[in-house]
N, C-alpha and C. Protein backbone atom coordinates (compact mmCIF):
# COMPACT_ATOMS: atom_id res chain seq x y z
N MET A 1 19.74 39.93 55.02
CA MET A 1 19.15 39.08 53.84
C MET A 1 18.81 37.82 54.53
N ILE A 2 17.48 37.49 54.16
CA ILE A 2 16.84 36.34 54.74
C ILE A 2 16.73 35.21 53.38
N ILE A 3 17.10 34.00 53.88
CA ILE A 3 16.88 33.09 52.68
C ILE A 3 15.88 31.99 53.29
N TYR A 4 14.86 31.85 52.24
CA TYR A 4 13.86 30.79 52.50
C TYR A 4 14.16 29.78 51.67
N ASN A 5 14.52 28.62 52.44
CA ASN A 5 15.01 27.51 51.79
C ASN A 5 13.89 26.42 51.79
N VAL A 6 13.58 25.87 50.56
CA VAL A 6 12.62 24.73 50.24
C VAL A 6 13.28 23.59 49.86
N THR A 7 13.33 22.57 50.65
CA THR A 7 14.03 21.27 50.07
C THR A 7 12.93 20.33 49.79
N ILE A 8 13.10 19.93 48.50
CA ILE A 8 12.24 18.86 48.01
C ILE A 8 12.80 17.56 47.73
N SER A 9 12.04 16.51 47.89
CA SER A 9 12.47 15.12 47.41
C SER A 9 11.36 14.81 46.47
N ILE A 10 11.95 14.20 45.28
CA ILE A 10 11.06 13.73 44.35
C ILE A 10 11.48 12.37 43.73
N ARG A 11 10.62 11.49 43.10
CA ARG A 11 10.86 10.18 42.63
C ARG A 11 11.80 10.60 41.41
N PRO A 12 12.80 9.63 41.40
CA PRO A 12 13.83 9.79 40.33
C PRO A 12 13.26 9.89 38.85
N ASP A 13 12.22 9.19 38.65
CA ASP A 13 11.66 9.16 37.18
C ASP A 13 10.97 10.45 36.93
N LEU A 14 10.76 11.32 37.98
CA LEU A 14 10.06 12.60 37.68
C LEU A 14 11.09 13.83 37.69
N GLU A 15 12.45 13.53 37.87
CA GLU A 15 13.27 14.51 38.00
C GLU A 15 13.23 15.62 36.90
N GLY A 16 13.33 15.31 35.73
CA GLY A 16 13.37 16.15 34.57
C GLY A 16 11.95 17.01 34.48
N GLU A 17 10.88 16.30 34.67
CA GLU A 17 9.58 16.92 34.54
C GLU A 17 9.46 17.94 35.91
N VAL A 18 9.79 17.54 37.01
CA VAL A 18 9.88 18.57 38.06
C VAL A 18 10.69 19.66 37.88
N LEU A 19 11.91 19.48 37.60
CA LEU A 19 12.83 20.59 37.37
C LEU A 19 12.37 21.59 36.25
N ALA A 20 11.82 20.99 35.16
CA ALA A 20 11.37 21.77 34.10
C ALA A 20 10.20 22.76 34.64
N TRP A 21 9.34 22.06 35.40
CA TRP A 21 8.18 22.77 35.93
C TRP A 21 8.56 23.81 37.02
N LEU A 22 9.69 23.38 37.74
CA LEU A 22 10.17 24.53 38.70
C LEU A 22 10.69 25.81 38.00
N LYS A 23 11.55 25.35 36.99
CA LYS A 23 12.27 26.48 36.31
C LYS A 23 11.35 27.40 35.46
N ASN A 24 10.34 26.79 34.81
CA ASN A 24 9.51 27.41 33.77
C ASN A 24 8.06 27.94 34.28
N GLU A 25 7.64 27.34 35.48
CA GLU A 25 6.29 27.73 35.89
C GLU A 25 6.37 28.15 37.48
N HIS A 26 6.86 27.20 38.33
CA HIS A 26 6.58 27.57 39.74
C HIS A 26 7.34 28.64 40.35
N ILE A 27 8.71 28.57 39.90
CA ILE A 27 9.76 29.74 40.46
C ILE A 27 9.25 31.12 39.90
N PRO A 28 8.88 31.08 38.54
CA PRO A 28 8.57 32.44 38.23
C PRO A 28 7.34 33.01 38.62
N GLU A 29 6.37 32.14 39.16
CA GLU A 29 5.14 32.49 39.88
C GLU A 29 5.62 33.22 41.03
N ILE A 30 6.43 32.42 41.88
CA ILE A 30 6.90 32.99 43.13
C ILE A 30 7.67 34.41 43.08
N LEU A 31 8.47 34.45 41.87
CA LEU A 31 9.21 35.68 41.78
C LEU A 31 8.27 36.72 41.22
N GLU A 32 7.16 36.63 40.53
CA GLU A 32 6.13 37.57 40.19
C GLU A 32 5.64 38.28 41.24
N THR A 33 5.65 37.67 42.62
CA THR A 33 5.16 38.39 43.63
C THR A 33 5.90 39.67 43.93
N GLY A 34 7.21 39.86 43.43
CA GLY A 34 7.97 40.99 43.75
C GLY A 34 8.65 41.04 45.11
N LEU A 35 8.53 39.93 45.86
CA LEU A 35 8.89 40.02 47.38
C LEU A 35 10.40 39.31 47.44
N PHE A 36 10.88 38.54 46.40
CA PHE A 36 12.08 37.90 46.47
C PHE A 36 13.17 38.68 45.61
N VAL A 37 14.30 38.68 45.91
CA VAL A 37 15.26 39.48 45.07
C VAL A 37 16.13 38.55 44.08
N GLU A 38 16.25 37.30 44.48
CA GLU A 38 16.97 36.29 43.60
C GLU A 38 16.65 34.88 44.10
N HIS A 39 17.06 33.77 43.52
CA HIS A 39 16.84 32.49 43.80
C HIS A 39 17.91 31.56 43.23
N HIS A 40 18.11 30.46 43.83
CA HIS A 40 19.09 29.40 43.31
C HIS A 40 18.51 27.91 43.59
N ILE A 41 18.86 27.10 42.71
CA ILE A 41 18.50 25.72 42.90
C ILE A 41 19.80 24.94 42.98
N PHE A 42 19.87 23.91 43.96
CA PHE A 42 20.89 23.20 44.27
C PHE A 42 20.54 21.63 44.27
N LYS A 43 21.28 20.73 43.79
CA LYS A 43 21.01 19.42 43.89
C LYS A 43 21.71 18.94 45.16
N ILE A 44 20.95 18.07 46.01
CA ILE A 44 21.43 17.53 47.22
C ILE A 44 21.94 16.14 46.98
N PHE A 45 23.13 15.82 47.33
CA PHE A 45 23.58 14.35 47.29
C PHE A 45 23.45 13.83 48.53
N GLU A 46 22.51 12.80 48.66
CA GLU A 46 22.12 12.18 49.79
C GLU A 46 23.24 11.11 50.35
N SER A 47 23.72 10.43 49.38
CA SER A 47 24.87 9.49 49.62
C SER A 47 25.60 9.04 48.28
N SER A 48 26.49 8.24 48.51
CA SER A 48 27.23 7.84 47.31
C SER A 48 26.50 6.74 46.60
N ASP A 49 25.62 6.08 47.35
CA ASP A 49 24.77 5.03 46.61
C ASP A 49 23.64 5.70 45.91
N GLN A 50 23.02 4.89 44.99
CA GLN A 50 21.85 5.55 44.29
C GLN A 50 20.67 5.77 45.40
N PRO A 51 20.31 6.94 45.35
CA PRO A 51 19.19 7.37 46.39
C PRO A 51 17.92 6.83 45.92
N MET A 52 17.00 6.58 46.76
CA MET A 52 15.61 6.26 46.40
C MET A 52 14.80 7.52 45.81
N HIS A 53 15.13 8.60 46.33
CA HIS A 53 14.62 9.94 46.02
C HIS A 53 15.69 10.85 45.54
N ASN A 54 15.48 11.78 44.66
CA ASN A 54 16.40 12.92 44.40
C ASN A 54 15.84 13.94 45.24
N SER A 55 16.87 14.75 45.71
CA SER A 55 16.58 15.96 46.59
C SER A 55 17.29 17.24 45.90
N PHE A 56 16.53 18.40 46.12
CA PHE A 56 16.94 19.69 45.83
C PHE A 56 16.61 20.63 46.71
N ALA A 57 17.50 21.74 46.76
CA ALA A 57 17.22 22.92 47.66
C ALA A 57 16.89 24.08 46.76
N ILE A 58 15.86 24.76 46.96
CA ILE A 58 15.63 25.99 46.14
C ILE A 58 15.63 27.13 47.15
N GLN A 59 16.66 28.09 47.01
CA GLN A 59 16.68 29.15 47.97
C GLN A 59 16.23 30.45 47.43
N TYR A 60 15.33 31.04 48.15
CA TYR A 60 14.77 32.40 47.68
C TYR A 60 15.19 33.46 48.62
N HIS A 61 15.94 34.48 48.19
CA HIS A 61 16.31 35.52 48.99
C HIS A 61 15.36 36.65 49.00
N LEU A 62 15.34 37.13 50.31
CA LEU A 62 14.31 38.22 50.65
C LEU A 62 15.15 39.20 51.39
N GLU A 63 14.67 40.53 51.23
CA GLU A 63 15.30 41.63 51.91
C GLU A 63 14.91 41.73 53.39
N SER A 64 13.81 41.23 53.80
CA SER A 64 13.33 41.31 55.19
C SER A 64 12.37 40.23 55.58
N TRP A 65 12.06 40.15 56.74
CA TRP A 65 11.25 39.17 57.39
C TRP A 65 9.65 39.73 56.94
N GLN A 66 9.53 40.99 56.89
CA GLN A 66 8.16 41.62 56.36
C GLN A 66 7.86 41.09 55.14
N ASN A 67 8.85 40.93 54.17
CA ASN A 67 8.50 40.41 52.84
C ASN A 67 8.08 39.01 52.84
N PHE A 68 8.62 38.24 53.85
CA PHE A 68 8.22 36.88 53.81
C PHE A 68 6.72 36.76 54.49
N LYS A 69 6.65 37.57 55.50
CA LYS A 69 5.27 37.64 56.06
C LYS A 69 4.22 37.80 54.95
N GLU A 70 4.43 38.91 54.04
CA GLU A 70 3.50 39.24 53.11
C GLU A 70 3.32 38.01 52.05
N TYR A 71 4.43 37.24 51.76
CA TYR A 71 4.47 36.23 50.94
C TYR A 71 3.53 35.16 51.48
N GLU A 72 3.80 34.79 52.89
CA GLU A 72 2.90 33.68 53.39
C GLU A 72 1.43 34.05 53.56
N GLU A 73 1.19 35.32 53.91
CA GLU A 73 -0.20 35.77 54.10
C GLU A 73 -0.99 35.63 52.76
N ASN A 74 -0.27 36.23 51.68
CA ASN A 74 -0.99 36.53 50.41
C ASN A 74 -0.86 35.40 49.23
N TYR A 75 0.22 34.71 49.34
CA TYR A 75 0.62 33.75 48.14
C TYR A 75 1.02 32.35 48.49
N ALA A 76 1.42 32.15 49.67
CA ALA A 76 2.11 30.73 49.96
C ALA A 76 1.08 29.63 49.91
N HIS A 77 0.00 29.81 50.55
CA HIS A 77 -1.11 28.70 50.66
C HIS A 77 -1.51 28.42 49.22
N ALA A 78 -1.87 29.26 48.37
CA ALA A 78 -2.32 28.78 46.92
C ALA A 78 -1.16 28.24 46.22
N LEU A 79 0.04 28.61 46.40
CA LEU A 79 1.14 27.93 45.67
C LEU A 79 1.44 26.51 46.10
N LYS A 80 1.23 26.21 47.39
CA LYS A 80 1.51 24.96 47.96
C LYS A 80 0.45 24.04 47.56
N GLU A 81 -0.85 24.54 47.60
CA GLU A 81 -2.01 23.70 47.11
C GLU A 81 -1.77 23.42 45.64
N LYS A 82 -1.42 24.34 44.73
CA LYS A 82 -1.21 24.01 43.40
C LYS A 82 -0.14 22.92 43.24
N THR A 83 0.97 23.11 43.90
CA THR A 83 2.01 21.88 43.87
C THR A 83 1.48 20.55 44.34
N HIS A 84 0.81 20.54 45.48
CA HIS A 84 0.17 19.31 45.93
C HIS A 84 -0.58 18.71 44.94
N LYS A 85 -1.58 19.57 44.42
CA LYS A 85 -2.45 18.94 43.52
C LYS A 85 -1.83 18.48 42.14
N LYS A 86 -0.69 19.01 41.73
CA LYS A 86 -0.06 18.52 40.67
C LYS A 86 0.81 17.22 40.90
N TYR A 87 1.47 17.25 41.96
CA TYR A 87 2.44 16.26 42.26
C TYR A 87 1.98 15.21 43.44
N GLY A 88 1.21 15.67 44.35
CA GLY A 88 0.74 14.86 45.51
C GLY A 88 1.95 14.40 46.28
N GLU A 89 1.89 13.09 46.69
CA GLU A 89 3.08 12.52 47.50
C GLU A 89 4.30 12.19 46.67
N ASN A 90 4.29 12.47 45.29
CA ASN A 90 5.54 12.35 44.58
C ASN A 90 6.58 13.44 44.82
N LEU A 91 6.11 14.51 45.35
CA LEU A 91 6.99 15.68 45.74
C LEU A 91 6.76 15.83 47.29
N LEU A 92 7.78 15.76 48.11
CA LEU A 92 7.64 16.14 49.37
C LEU A 92 8.65 17.27 49.81
N SER A 93 8.18 18.08 50.73
CA SER A 93 9.07 19.18 50.90
C SER A 93 9.20 19.57 52.32
N PHE A 94 10.11 20.29 52.80
CA PHE A 94 10.21 21.03 54.11
C PHE A 94 10.95 22.34 53.95
N ARG A 95 10.64 23.24 54.74
CA ARG A 95 11.16 24.58 54.68
C ARG A 95 11.96 24.96 55.84
N THR A 96 13.07 25.75 55.66
CA THR A 96 13.79 26.33 56.61
C THR A 96 14.26 27.68 56.24
N PHE A 97 14.94 28.43 57.26
CA PHE A 97 15.27 29.70 57.05
C PHE A 97 16.73 29.93 57.28
N LEU A 98 17.37 30.77 56.57
CA LEU A 98 18.75 31.12 56.77
C LEU A 98 18.98 32.59 56.95
N GLU A 99 19.72 33.15 57.73
CA GLU A 99 19.95 34.73 57.75
C GLU A 99 21.37 34.87 57.54
N LYS A 100 21.63 35.78 56.49
CA LYS A 100 23.04 36.19 56.09
C LYS A 100 23.53 37.22 57.20
N LEU A 101 24.66 36.76 57.86
CA LEU A 101 25.11 37.78 58.95
C LEU A 101 26.08 38.56 58.30
């Protein structure tokens, strides 16, 4: 099992809007590719003080690296561009991978 982890940081005043967009539009678009078997959203707590940005981790589970390669070749660029067009610098992200052993 491969986990594609997308960590995002957003302005606190956009939290509700971005979470609704993720749940109702963006994540369903990714799942419609048929390449992912499940997903989870986690809130990241950066510190006990009030953070400047809110952070979340969205984990998409894949059965193989080949599925990710297909996602990357056929879907990723357009979805990243759509996100950037909608939120610009108000939503920053980075991606990592985990492999369940």
